[in-house]
Amino acid sequence: MTDMWSYSPESHYTPGASLVGFKVEASDGHIGKVDEATEEVGASCIAVDTGPWIFGKVVLIPAGIIVRVDMEKEEIQVNLTKDQIKESPEYDKARHRGDVAYRDQLGQYYGRI
């Protein structure tokens, strides 16, 4: 993966498009909905509310993990399994913007997958 924190051209993401509310699908099924999305240079990501599936856990997924954005279906496919998402680091809303150490921690987890 060249840049985990940027949307790949293959994902069909349209810059400036709102992804909030889109369904998120792992490689083995539905995981939740987008609660927040950013398109910051070098720090793009989506925050996914997993709802009751992981007892209300919110996970932060780097934009480079996104395989495809379907604007018509309002659906995002990610290159992760449900278990990989379940084991991901806890989302920290206070730290996710601008905290390089937190982004590095997430990058280390997703970079091993």
Protein backbone atom coordinates (compact mmCIF):
# COMPACT_ATOMS: atom_id res chain seq x y z
CA MET A 1 0.00 0.00 0.00
CA THR A 2 1.53 3.30 -1.02
CA ASP A 3 -0.31 5.70 1.30
CA MET A 4 -2.68 4.36 3.92
CA TRP A 5 -3.94 7.87 4.75
CA SER A 6 -5.14 8.82 1.25
CA TYR A 7 -8.08 7.67 -0.86
CA SER A 8 -6.78 5.58 -3.75
CA PRO A 9 -7.96 6.46 -7.27
CA GLU A 10 -9.23 2.86 -7.59
CA SER A 11 -11.70 3.45 -4.72
CA HIS A 12 -13.79 5.78 -6.90
CA TYR A 13 -14.01 8.29 -4.06
CA THR A 14 -15.16 11.70 -5.29
CA PRO A 15 -13.24 14.49 -3.51
CA GLY A 16 -15.59 16.66 -1.49
CA ALA A 17 -18.34 14.02 -1.35
CA SER A 18 -19.96 13.45 2.04
CA LEU A 19 -19.64 9.84 3.18
CA VAL A 20 -21.50 10.31 6.48
CA GLY A 21 -24.25 7.72 6.82
CA PHE A 22 -22.80 5.37 4.18
CA LYS A 23 -22.94 1.64 5.01
CA VAL A 24 -19.54 0.03 5.53
CA GLU A 25 -18.92 -3.53 4.38
CA ALA A 26 -15.94 -5.64 5.44
CA SER A 27 -14.74 -8.50 3.26
CA ASP A 28 -17.02 -10.83 5.27
CA GLY A 29 -20.09 -8.67 5.93
CA HIS A 30 -21.65 -5.46 7.21
CA ILE A 31 -19.84 -3.62 10.02
CA GLY A 32 -21.64 -0.30 10.48
CA LYS A 33 -22.12 3.22 9.16
CA VAL A 34 -19.81 6.18 8.62
CA ASP A 35 -20.11 8.59 11.54
CA GLU A 36 -17.46 11.02 10.28
CA ALA A 37 -15.14 11.29 7.27
CA THR A 38 -12.13 13.47 6.60
CA GLU A 39 -10.12 14.21 3.50
CA GLU A 40 -7.15 15.92 5.10
CA VAL A 41 -3.95 15.57 3.07
CA GLY A 42 -1.98 12.69 4.54
CA ALA A 43 -4.61 12.02 7.24
CA SER A 44 -7.83 11.01 5.43
CA CYS A 45 -9.98 8.47 7.24
CA ILE A 46 -13.50 7.39 8.15
CA ALA A 47 -14.92 6.88 11.65
CA VAL A 48 -17.30 3.91 11.59
CA ASP A 49 -19.99 3.42 14.22
CA THR A 50 -20.31 -0.35 14.55
CA GLY A 51 -23.59 -0.07 16.47
CA PRO A 52 -24.63 -3.16 18.43
CA TRP A 53 -22.23 -5.42 16.51
CA ILE A 54 -19.26 -4.42 18.73
CA PHE A 55 -21.36 -2.85 21.49
CA GLY A 56 -21.29 0.64 20.07
CA LYS A 57 -17.56 0.81 19.37
CA VAL A 58 -16.41 3.44 16.90
CA VAL A 59 -13.36 2.56 14.82
CA LEU A 60 -11.15 4.81 12.72
CA ILE A 61 -10.22 3.36 9.34
CA PRO A 62 -7.54 4.99 7.15
CA ALA A 63 -8.76 6.02 3.68
CA GLY A 64 -6.20 3.75 2.00
CA ILE A 65 -8.00 0.69 3.42
CA ILE A 66 -11.11 1.62 1.40
CA VAL A 67 -11.45 -0.62 -1.64
CA ARG A 68 -14.50 1.02 -3.22
CA VAL A 69 -16.96 3.84 -2.62
CA ASP A 70 -20.34 3.30 -4.29
CA MET A 71 -22.02 6.71 -4.36
CA GLU A 72 -25.31 5.31 -5.73
CA LYS A 73 -25.68 2.58 -3.09
CA GLU A 74 -24.13 4.83 -0.39
CA GLU A 75 -21.82 1.97 0.49
CA ILE A 76 -18.12 1.64 1.26
CA GLN A 77 -16.15 -1.59 0.96
CA VAL A 78 -13.00 -2.01 3.06
CA ASN A 79 -10.18 -4.51 2.70
CA LEU A 80 -10.57 -5.89 6.25
CA THR A 81 -12.45 -8.71 7.95
CA LYS A 82 -14.89 -8.19 10.80
CA ASP A 83 -12.35 -9.65 13.25
CA GLN A 84 -9.62 -7.26 12.07
CA ILE A 85 -11.98 -4.34 12.65
CA LYS A 86 -13.09 -5.70 16.02
CA GLU A 87 -9.43 -5.88 17.15
CA SER A 88 -8.53 -2.39 15.88
CA PRO A 89 -7.40 0.30 18.36
CA GLU A 90 -10.11 2.23 20.17
CA TYR A 91 -11.21 5.44 18.40
CA ASP A 92 -10.14 8.55 20.29
CA LYS A 93 -12.16 11.49 18.98
CA ALA A 94 -10.03 14.00 20.89
CA ARG A 95 -6.79 12.73 19.33
CA HIS A 96 -7.67 11.68 15.79
CA ARG A 97 -7.11 15.12 14.24
CA GLY A 98 -3.56 16.37 14.37
CA ASP A 99 -2.11 13.85 16.84
CA VAL A 100 0.72 12.23 14.89
CA ALA A 101 1.48 9.65 17.62
CA TYR A 102 -2.14 8.43 17.58
CA ARG A 103 -2.16 8.23 13.78
CA ASP A 104 1.15 6.31 13.93
CA GLN A 105 -0.41 3.84 16.41
CA LEU A 106 -3.31 3.24 14.03
CA GLY A 107 -0.90 3.01 11.09
CA GLN A 108 1.12 0.33 12.86
CA TYR A 109 -2.01 -1.74 13.45
CA TYR A 110 -3.42 -1.41 9.94
CA GLY A 111 0.04 -1.74 8.37
CA ARG A 112 0.40 -5.26 9.84
CA ILE A 113 -2.82 -6.45 8.21
